[in-house]
Amino acid sequence: MLSLSNPKVEFPGGDIGAVVSIQSDTYDFGEIKKGDNGTCVYSLKNDGFEPLIISKCDKTCGCTIPKCNHDPILPGETTEVEVTYDTNRL
């Protein structure tokens, strides 16, 4: 299971300008075998009133690779964070 928690975001309009909503912060692959597809996608939405900027998209271990869009996410717009789990690692 992968979990997306505490995304690093900037709030250009102050601490109440941009609000990030995550549709789901976990992804359950179920039983996954070595070499299987380990990619999942998280949907993020800016429910605030100012652009949302993801300034850092980092991993906490060597078994995952995140990919984030660093362009400003305007109010009401969504973006995706793709996370790949290396299923070849034990």
PDB file of N, CA and C in Angstrom:
ATOM      1  N   MET A   1       0.840  -1.164   0.000  1.00  0.00           N
ATOM      2  CA  MET A   1       0.000   0.000   0.000  1.00  0.00           C
ATOM      3  C   MET A   1       0.892   1.236   0.000  1.00  0.00           C
ATOM      4  N   LEU A   2       0.570   2.202  -0.841  1.00  0.00           N
ATOM      5  CA  LEU A   2       1.282   3.471  -0.878  1.00  0.00           C
ATOM      6  C   LEU A   2       0.410   4.533  -0.236  1.00  0.00           C
ATOM      7  N   SER A   3       1.035   5.486   0.399  1.00  0.00           N
ATOM      8  CA  SER A   3       0.306   6.571   1.032  1.00  0.00           C
ATOM      9  C   SER A   3       0.935   7.894   0.659  1.00  0.00           C
ATOM     10  N   LEU A   4       0.113   8.848   0.320  1.00  0.00           N
ATOM     11  CA  LEU A   4       0.551  10.200  -0.002  1.00  0.00           C
ATOM     12  C   LEU A   4       0.174  11.070   1.177  1.00  0.00           C
ATOM     13  N   SER A   5       1.171  11.540   1.906  1.00  0.00           N
ATOM     14  CA  SER A   5       0.867  12.355   3.071  1.00  0.00           C
ATOM     15  C   SER A   5       1.771  13.566   3.130  1.00  0.00           C
ATOM     16  N   ASN A   6       1.264  14.617   3.708  1.00  0.00           N
ATOM     17  CA  ASN A   6       1.991  15.867   3.898  1.00  0.00           C
ATOM     18  C   ASN A   6       2.666  16.360   2.628  1.00  0.00           C
ATOM     19  N   PRO A   7       1.895  16.594   1.540  1.00  0.00           N
ATOM     20  CA  PRO A   7       2.533  17.118   0.339  1.00  0.00           C
ATOM     21  C   PRO A   7       3.132  18.483   0.615  1.00  0.00           C
ATOM     22  N   LYS A   8       4.308  18.730   0.060  1.00  0.00           N
ATOM     23  CA  LYS A   8       4.996  20.010   0.242  1.00  0.00           C
ATOM     24  C   LYS A   8       4.379  20.997  -0.729  1.00  0.00           C
ATOM     25  N   VAL A   9       3.678  21.999  -0.224  1.00  0.00           N
ATOM     26  CA  VAL A   9       3.041  22.999  -1.074  1.00  0.00           C
ATOM     27  C   VAL A   9       3.386  24.390  -0.585  1.00  0.00           C
ATOM     28  N   GLU A  10       3.316  25.360  -1.496  1.00  0.00           N
ATOM     29  CA  GLU A  10       3.477  26.763  -1.163  1.00  0.00           C
ATOM     30  C   GLU A  10       2.115  27.426  -1.293  1.00  0.00           C
ATOM     31  N   PHE A  11       1.886  28.419  -0.503  1.00  0.00           N
ATOM     32  CA  PHE A  11       0.638  29.156  -0.551  1.00  0.00           C
ATOM     33  C   PHE A  11       0.946  30.601  -0.932  1.00  0.00           C
ATOM     34  N   PRO A  12       0.952  30.923  -2.249  1.00  0.00           N
ATOM     35  CA  PRO A  12       1.350  32.249  -2.702  1.00  0.00           C
ATOM     36  C   PRO A  12       0.520  33.377  -2.096  1.00  0.00           C
ATOM     37  N   GLY A  13      -0.737  33.129  -1.799  1.00  0.00           N
ATOM     38  CA  GLY A  13      -1.603  34.180  -1.260  1.00  0.00           C
ATOM     39  C   GLY A  13      -1.664  34.169   0.243  1.00  0.00           C
ATOM     40  N   GLY A  14      -0.745  33.524   0.914  1.00  0.00           N
ATOM     41  CA  GLY A  14      -0.795  33.404   2.362  1.00  0.00           C
ATOM     42  C   GLY A  14      -1.221  32.004   2.749  1.00  0.00           C
ATOM     43  N   ASP A  15      -1.404  31.793   4.032  1.00  0.00           N
ATOM     44  CA  ASP A  15      -1.681  30.430   4.476  1.00  0.00           C
ATOM     45  C   ASP A  15      -3.123  29.992   4.247  1.00  0.00           C
ATOM     46  N   ILE A  16      -3.987  30.844   3.697  1.00  0.00           N
ATOM     47  CA  ILE A  16      -5.350  30.423   3.406  1.00  0.00           C
ATOM     48  C   ILE A  16      -5.698  30.565   1.922  1.00  0.00           C
ATOM     49  N   GLY A  17      -4.718  30.924   1.086  1.00  0.00           N
ATOM     50  CA  GLY A  17      -4.985  31.197  -0.321  1.00  0.00           C
ATOM     51  C   GLY A  17      -5.246  29.978  -1.169  1.00  0.00           C
ATOM     52  N   ALA A  18      -4.441  28.935  -1.010  1.00  0.00           N
ATOM     53  CA  ALA A  18      -4.596  27.713  -1.793  1.00  0.00           C
ATOM     54  C   ALA A  18      -4.884  26.567  -0.832  1.00  0.00           C
ATOM     55  N   VAL A  19      -5.782  25.697  -1.241  1.00  0.00           N
ATOM     56  CA  VAL A  19      -6.154  24.553  -0.400  1.00  0.00           C
ATOM     57  C   VAL A  19      -6.067  23.303  -1.264  1.00  0.00           C
ATOM     58  N   VAL A  20      -5.237  22.352  -0.861  1.00  0.00           N
ATOM     59  CA  VAL A  20      -5.104  21.117  -1.631  1.00  0.00           C
ATOM     60  C   VAL A  20      -6.047  20.063  -1.064  1.00  0.00           C
ATOM     61  N   SER A  21      -6.808  19.445  -1.969  1.00  0.00           N
ATOM     62  CA  SER A  21      -7.684  18.333  -1.611  1.00  0.00           C
ATOM     63  C   SER A  21      -7.173  17.093  -2.332  1.00  0.00           C
ATOM     64  N   ILE A  22      -7.042  16.020  -1.604  1.00  0.00           N
ATOM     65  CA  ILE A  22      -6.572  14.756  -2.177  1.00  0.00           C
ATOM     66  C   ILE A  22      -7.749  13.798  -2.197  1.00  0.00           C
ATOM     67  N   GLN A  23      -8.067  13.286  -3.380  1.00  0.00           N
ATOM     68  CA  GLN A  23      -9.218  12.395  -3.521  1.00  0.00           C
ATOM     69  C   GLN A  23      -9.067  11.191  -2.602  1.00  0.00           C
ATOM     70  N   SER A  24      -7.893  10.603  -2.588  1.00  0.00           N
ATOM     71  CA  SER A  24      -7.582   9.480  -1.717  1.00  0.00           C
ATOM     72  C   SER A  24      -6.089   9.515  -1.457  1.00  0.00           C
ATOM     73  N   ASP A  25      -5.675   9.328  -0.205  1.00  0.00           N
ATOM     74  CA  ASP A  25      -4.242   9.415   0.090  1.00  0.00           C
ATOM     75  C   ASP A  25      -3.577   8.050   0.212  1.00  0.00           C
ATOM     76  N   THR A  26      -4.307   6.991  -0.089  1.00  0.00           N
ATOM     77  CA  THR A  26      -3.709   5.650  -0.092  1.00  0.00           C
ATOM     78  C   THR A  26      -4.122   4.908  -1.356  1.00  0.00           C
ATOM     79  N   TYR A  27      -3.289   3.970  -1.747  1.00  0.00           N
ATOM     80  CA  TYR A  27      -3.584   3.126  -2.898  1.00  0.00           C
ATOM     81  C   TYR A  27      -3.215   1.699  -2.523  1.00  0.00           C
ATOM     82  N   ASP A  28      -4.181   0.813  -2.574  1.00  0.00           N
ATOM     83  CA  ASP A  28      -3.959  -0.580  -2.211  1.00  0.00           C
ATOM     84  C   ASP A  28      -3.803  -1.398  -3.488  1.00  0.00           C
ATOM     85  N   PHE A  29      -2.591  -1.901  -3.723  1.00  0.00           N
ATOM     86  CA  PHE A  29      -2.333  -2.729  -4.892  1.00  0.00           C
ATOM     87  C   PHE A  29      -2.905  -4.132  -4.732  1.00  0.00           C
ATOM     88  N   GLY A  30      -3.287  -4.479  -3.523  1.00  0.00           N
ATOM     89  CA  GLY A  30      -3.674  -5.850  -3.274  1.00  0.00           C
ATOM     90  C   GLY A  30      -2.422  -6.705  -3.247  1.00  0.00           C
ATOM     91  N   GLU A  31      -2.530  -7.934  -3.667  1.00  0.00           N
ATOM     92  CA  GLU A  31      -1.351  -8.796  -3.737  1.00  0.00           C
ATOM     93  C   GLU A  31      -0.609  -8.469  -5.020  1.00  0.00           C
ATOM     94  N   ILE A  32       0.635  -8.088  -4.892  1.00  0.00           N
ATOM     95  CA  ILE A  32       1.425  -7.693  -6.050  1.00  0.00           C
ATOM     96  C   ILE A  32       2.683  -8.563  -6.109  1.00  0.00           C
ATOM     97  N   LYS A  33       3.028  -8.998  -7.296  1.00  0.00           N
ATOM     98  CA  LYS A  33       4.173  -9.879  -7.475  1.00  0.00           C
ATOM     99  C   LYS A  33       5.366  -9.098  -8.008  1.00  0.00           C
ATOM    100  N   LYS A  34       6.525  -9.657  -7.826  1.00  0.00           N
ATOM    101  CA  LYS A  34       7.748  -9.059  -8.337  1.00  0.00           C
ATOM    102  C   LYS A  34       7.614  -8.842  -9.843  1.00  0.00           C
ATOM    103  N   GLY A  35       7.946  -7.642 -10.287  1.00  0.00           N
ATOM    104  CA  GLY A  35       7.867  -7.317 -11.706  1.00  0.00           C
ATOM    105  C   GLY A  35       6.516  -6.806 -12.174  1.00  0.00           C
ATOM    106  N   ASP A  36       5.486  -6.837 -11.303  1.00  0.00           N
ATOM    107  CA  ASP A  36       4.163  -6.320 -11.673  1.00  0.00           C
ATOM    108  C   ASP A  36       4.200  -4.801 -11.818  1.00  0.00           C
ATOM    109  N   ASN A  37       3.144  -4.253 -12.415  1.00  0.00           N
ATOM    110  CA  ASN A  37       3.014  -2.811 -12.557  1.00  0.00           C
ATOM    111  C   ASN A  37       2.796  -2.196 -11.177  1.00  0.00           C
ATOM    112  N   GLY A  38       3.667  -1.312 -10.780  1.00  0.00           N
ATOM    113  CA  GLY A  38       3.567  -0.682  -9.477  1.00  0.00           C
ATOM    114  C   GLY A  38       3.254   0.790  -9.562  1.00  0.00           C
ATOM    115  N   THR A  39       2.526   1.212 -10.579  1.00  0.00           N
ATOM    116  CA  THR A  39       2.230   2.630 -10.748  1.00  0.00           C
ATOM    117  C   THR A  39       0.798   2.940 -10.331  1.00  0.00           C
ATOM    118  N   CYS A  40       0.661   4.024  -9.562  1.00  0.00           N
ATOM    119  CA  CYS A  40      -0.662   4.512  -9.203  1.00  0.00           C
ATOM    120  C   CYS A  40      -0.678   6.021  -9.385  1.00  0.00           C
ATOM    121  N   VAL A  41      -1.862   6.587  -9.468  1.00  0.00           N
ATOM    122  CA  VAL A  41      -2.017   8.017  -9.700  1.00  0.00           C
ATOM    123  C   VAL A  41      -2.933   8.596  -8.628  1.00  0.00           C
ATOM    124  N   TYR A  42      -2.462   9.671  -8.010  1.00  0.00           N
ATOM    125  CA  TYR A  42      -3.259  10.409  -7.033  1.00  0.00           C
ATOM    126  C   TYR A  42      -3.757  11.688  -7.686  1.00  0.00           C
ATOM    127  N   SER A  43      -4.999  12.045  -7.431  1.00  0.00           N
ATOM    128  CA  SER A  43      -5.578  13.262  -7.974  1.00  0.00           C
ATOM    129  C   SER A  43      -5.614  14.332  -6.885  1.00  0.00           C
ATOM    130  N   LEU A  44      -5.048  15.505  -7.206  1.00  0.00           N
ATOM    131  CA  LEU A  44      -5.044  16.634  -6.285  1.00  0.00           C
ATOM    132  C   LEU A  44      -5.854  17.766  -6.904  1.00  0.00           C
ATOM    133  N   LYS A  45      -6.618  18.469  -6.072  1.00  0.00           N
ATOM    134  CA  LYS A  45      -7.418  19.596  -6.548  1.00  0.00           C
ATOM    135  C   LYS A  45      -7.122  20.817  -5.688  1.00  0.00           C
ATOM    136  N   ASN A  46      -7.063  21.962  -6.319  1.00  0.00           N
ATOM    137  CA  ASN A  46      -6.905  23.218  -5.600  1.00  0.00           C
ATOM    138  C   ASN A  46      -8.303  23.757  -5.301  1.00  0.00           C
ATOM    139  N   ASP A  47      -8.739  23.619  -4.050  1.00  0.00           N
ATOM    140  CA  ASP A  47     -10.041  24.120  -3.624  1.00  0.00           C
ATOM    141  C   ASP A  47      -9.945  25.513  -3.008  1.00  0.00           C
ATOM    142  N   GLY A  48      -8.811  26.168  -3.174  1.00  0.00           N
ATOM    143  CA  GLY A  48      -8.612  27.499  -2.608  1.00  0.00           C
ATOM    144  C   GLY A  48      -8.903  28.597  -3.601  1.00  0.00           C
ATOM    145  N   PHE A  49      -8.371  29.779  -3.296  1.00  0.00           N
ATOM    146  CA  PHE A  49      -8.642  30.959  -4.103  1.00  0.00           C
ATOM    147  C   PHE A  49      -7.388  31.522  -4.771  1.00  0.00           C
ATOM    148  N   GLU A  50      -6.241  30.906  -4.535  1.00  0.00           N
ATOM    149  CA  GLU A  50      -4.977  31.327  -5.126  1.00  0.00           C
ATOM    150  C   GLU A  50      -4.324  30.120  -5.800  1.00  0.00           C
ATOM    151  N   PRO A  51      -3.389  30.341  -6.734  1.00  0.00           N
ATOM    152  CA  PRO A  51      -2.698  29.211  -7.368  1.00  0.00           C
ATOM    153  C   PRO A  51      -1.961  28.350  -6.339  1.00  0.00           C
ATOM    154  N   LEU A  52      -1.974  27.071  -6.567  1.00  0.00           N
ATOM    155  CA  LEU A  52      -1.273  26.094  -5.736  1.00  0.00           C
ATOM    156  C   LEU A  52      -0.020  25.671  -6.478  1.00  0.00           C
ATOM    157  N   ILE A  53       1.118  25.683  -5.794  1.00  0.00           N
ATOM    158  CA  ILE A  53       2.382  25.294  -6.413  1.00  0.00           C
ATOM    159  C   ILE A  53       2.990  24.156  -5.617  1.00  0.00           C
ATOM    160  N   ILE A  54       3.222  23.036  -6.273  1.00  0.00           N
ATOM    161  CA  ILE A  54       3.918  21.919  -5.637  1.00  0.00           C
ATOM    162  C   ILE A  54       5.402  22.177  -5.879  1.00  0.00           C
ATOM    163  N   SER A  55       6.089  22.584  -4.828  1.00  0.00           N
ATOM    164  CA  SER A  55       7.486  22.970  -4.992  1.00  0.00           C
ATOM    165  C   SER A  55       8.448  21.807  -4.819  1.00  0.00           C
ATOM    166  N   LYS A  56       7.988  20.757  -4.166  1.00  0.00           N
ATOM    167  CA  LYS A  56       8.870  19.616  -3.943  1.00  0.00           C
ATOM    168  C   LYS A  56       8.044  18.336  -4.016  1.00  0.00           C
ATOM    169  N   CYS A  57       8.509  17.416  -4.820  1.00  0.00           N
ATOM    170  CA  CYS A  57       7.858  16.125  -4.975  1.00  0.00           C
ATOM    171  C   CYS A  57       8.932  15.084  -4.708  1.00  0.00           C
ATOM    172  N   ASP A  58       8.979  14.577  -3.506  1.00  0.00           N
ATOM    173  CA  ASP A  58      10.097  13.759  -3.079  1.00  0.00           C
ATOM    174  C   ASP A  58       9.601  12.425  -2.537  1.00  0.00           C
ATOM    175  N   LYS A  59      10.518  11.509  -2.386  1.00  0.00           N
ATOM    176  CA  LYS A  59      10.217  10.186  -1.859  1.00  0.00           C
ATOM    177  C   LYS A  59      10.844  10.037  -0.478  1.00  0.00           C
ATOM    178  N   THR A  60      10.340   9.090   0.285  1.00  0.00           N
ATOM    179  CA  THR A  60      10.906   8.830   1.607  1.00  0.00           C
ATOM    180  C   THR A  60      11.751   7.569   1.627  1.00  0.00           C
ATOM    181  N   CYS A  61      11.739   6.828   0.515  1.00  0.00           N
ATOM    182  CA  CYS A  61      12.572   5.625   0.434  1.00  0.00           C
ATOM    183  C   CYS A  61      12.971   5.412  -1.021  1.00  0.00           C
ATOM    184  N   GLY A  62      13.856   4.467  -1.263  1.00  0.00           N
ATOM    185  CA  GLY A  62      14.319   4.196  -2.616  1.00  0.00           C
ATOM    186  C   GLY A  62      13.409   3.305  -3.430  1.00  0.00           C
ATOM    187  N   CYS A  63      12.298   2.881  -2.850  1.00  0.00           N
ATOM    188  CA  CYS A  63      11.416   1.946  -3.554  1.00  0.00           C
ATOM    189  C   CYS A  63      10.299   2.646  -4.324  1.00  0.00           C
ATOM    190  N   THR A  64      10.178   3.975  -4.192  1.00  0.00           N
ATOM    191  CA  THR A  64       9.137   4.704  -4.904  1.00  0.00           C
ATOM    192  C   THR A  64       9.742   5.849  -5.714  1.00  0.00           C
ATOM    193  N   ILE A  65       9.066   6.176  -6.819  1.00  0.00           N
ATOM    194  CA  ILE A  65       9.490   7.277  -7.682  1.00  0.00           C
ATOM    195  C   ILE A  65       8.255   8.140  -7.948  1.00  0.00           C
ATOM    196  N   PRO A  66       8.204   9.353  -7.375  1.00  0.00           N
ATOM    197  CA  PRO A  66       7.065  10.234  -7.639  1.00  0.00           C
ATOM    198  C   PRO A  66       7.323  11.142  -8.842  1.00  0.00           C
ATOM    199  N   LYS A  67       6.261  11.487  -9.553  1.00  0.00           N
ATOM    200  CA  LYS A  67       6.322  12.456 -10.650  1.00  0.00           C
ATOM    201  C   LYS A  67       5.210  13.467 -10.423  1.00  0.00           C
ATOM    202  N   CYS A  68       5.592  14.750 -10.315  1.00  0.00           N
ATOM    203  CA  CYS A  68       4.635  15.814 -10.059  1.00  0.00           C
ATOM    204  C   CYS A  68       4.750  16.906 -11.106  1.00  0.00           C
ATOM    205  N   ASN A  69       3.645  17.579 -11.328  1.00  0.00           N
ATOM    206  CA  ASN A  69       3.610  18.759 -12.176  1.00  0.00           C
ATOM    207  C   ASN A  69       3.934  19.948 -11.280  1.00  0.00           C
ATOM    208  N   HIS A  70       4.931  20.738 -11.645  1.00  0.00           N
ATOM    209  CA  HIS A  70       5.327  21.886 -10.840  1.00  0.00           C
ATOM    210  C   HIS A  70       4.732  23.202 -11.345  1.00  0.00           C
ATOM    211  N   ASP A  71       3.886  23.129 -12.379  1.00  0.00           N
ATOM    212  CA  ASP A  71       3.204  24.329 -12.863  1.00  0.00           C
ATOM    213  C   ASP A  71       2.131  24.727 -11.855  1.00  0.00           C
ATOM    214  N   PRO A  72       1.823  26.012 -11.746  1.00  0.00           N
ATOM    215  CA  PRO A  72       0.763  26.442 -10.824  1.00  0.00           C
ATOM    216  C   PRO A  72      -0.568  25.771 -11.163  1.00  0.00           C
ATOM    217  N   ILE A  73      -1.254  25.327 -10.131  1.00  0.00           N
ATOM    218  CA  ILE A  73      -2.575  24.722 -10.275  1.00  0.00           C
ATOM    219  C   ILE A  73      -3.566  25.810  -9.866  1.00  0.00           C
ATOM    220  N   LEU A  74      -4.329  26.290 -10.824  1.00  0.00           N
ATOM    221  CA  LEU A  74      -5.251  27.382 -10.569  1.00  0.00           C
ATOM    222  C   LEU A  74      -6.428  26.917  -9.720  1.00  0.00           C
ATOM    223  N   PRO A  75      -7.097  27.842  -9.032  1.00  0.00           N
ATOM    224  CA  PRO A  75      -8.261  27.467  -8.222  1.00  0.00           C
ATOM    225  C   PRO A  75      -9.277  26.675  -9.044  1.00  0.00           C
ATOM    226  N   GLY A  76      -9.736  25.572  -8.473  1.00  0.00           N
ATOM    227  CA  GLY A  76     -10.713  24.706  -9.135  1.00  0.00           C
ATOM    228  C   GLY A  76     -10.107  23.666 -10.057  1.00  0.00           C
ATOM    229  N   GLU A  77      -8.827  23.792 -10.385  1.00  0.00           N
ATOM    230  CA  GLU A  77      -8.180  22.837 -11.288  1.00  0.00           C
ATOM    231  C   GLU A  77      -7.590  21.662 -10.512  1.00  0.00           C
ATOM    232  N   THR A  78      -7.328  20.589 -11.245  1.00  0.00           N
ATOM    233  CA  THR A  78      -6.736  19.396 -10.653  1.00  0.00           C
ATOM    234  C   THR A  78      -5.420  19.074 -11.347  1.00  0.00           C
ATOM    235  N   THR A  79      -4.624  18.283 -10.675  1.00  0.00           N
ATOM    236  CA  THR A  79      -3.390  17.753 -11.239  1.00  0.00           C
ATOM    237  C   THR A  79      -3.237  16.327 -10.734  1.00  0.00           C
ATOM    238  N   GLU A  80      -2.315  15.627 -11.322  1.00  0.00           N
ATOM    239  CA  GLU A  80      -2.071  14.243 -10.907  1.00  0.00           C
ATOM    240  C   GLU A  80      -0.643  14.088 -10.408  1.00  0.00           C
ATOM    241  N   VAL A  81      -0.495  13.246  -9.405  1.00  0.00           N
ATOM    242  CA  VAL A  81       0.811  12.838  -8.899  1.00  0.00           C
ATOM    243  C   VAL A  81       0.918  11.350  -9.187  1.00  0.00           C
ATOM    244  N   GLU A  82       1.887  10.989 -10.024  1.00  0.00           N
ATOM    245  CA  GLU A  82       2.099   9.582 -10.369  1.00  0.00           C
ATOM    246  C   GLU A  82       3.206   9.035  -9.470  1.00  0.00           C
ATOM    247  N   VAL A  83       2.935   7.916  -8.845  1.00  0.00           N
ATOM    248  CA  VAL A  83       3.919   7.274  -7.973  1.00  0.00           C
ATOM    249  C   VAL A  83       4.133   5.854  -8.475  1.00  0.00           C
ATOM    250  N   THR A  84       5.398   5.530  -8.704  1.00  0.00           N
ATOM    251  CA  THR A  84       5.740   4.176  -9.147  1.00  0.00           C
ATOM    252  C   THR A  84       6.505   3.467  -8.037  1.00  0.00           C
ATOM    253  N   TYR A  85       5.976   2.319  -7.658  1.00  0.00           N
ATOM    254  CA  TYR A  85       6.630   1.462  -6.677  1.00  0.00           C
ATOM    255  C   TYR A  85       7.466   0.436  -7.445  1.00  0.00           C
ATOM    256  N   ASP A  86       8.734   0.331  -7.105  1.00  0.00           N
ATOM    257  CA  ASP A  86       9.656  -0.592  -7.779  1.00  0.00           C
ATOM    258  C   ASP A  86       9.365  -2.009  -7.301  1.00  0.00           C
ATOM    259  N   THR A  87       8.597  -2.748  -8.083  1.00  0.00           N
ATOM    260  CA  THR A  87       8.202  -4.099  -7.691  1.00  0.00           C
ATOM    261  C   THR A  87       9.309  -5.121  -7.897  1.00  0.00           C
ATOM    262  N   ASN A  88      10.431  -4.698  -8.458  1.00  0.00           N
ATOM    263  CA  ASN A  88      11.563  -5.622  -8.595  1.00  0.00           C
ATOM    264  C   ASN A  88      12.436  -5.657  -7.342  1.00  0.00           C
ATOM    265  N   ARG A  89      12.168  -4.744  -6.418  1.00  0.00           N
ATOM    266  CA  ARG A  89      12.912  -4.734  -5.141  1.00  0.00           C
ATOM    267  C   ARG A  89      12.156  -5.576  -4.135  1.00  0.00           C
ATOM    268  N   LEU A  90      12.910  -6.294  -3.339  1.00  0.00           N
ATOM    269  CA  LEU A  90      12.268  -7.118  -2.299  1.00  0.00           C
ATOM    270  C   LEU A  90      12.158  -6.337  -1.013  1.00  0.00           C
TER     271      LEU A  90
END
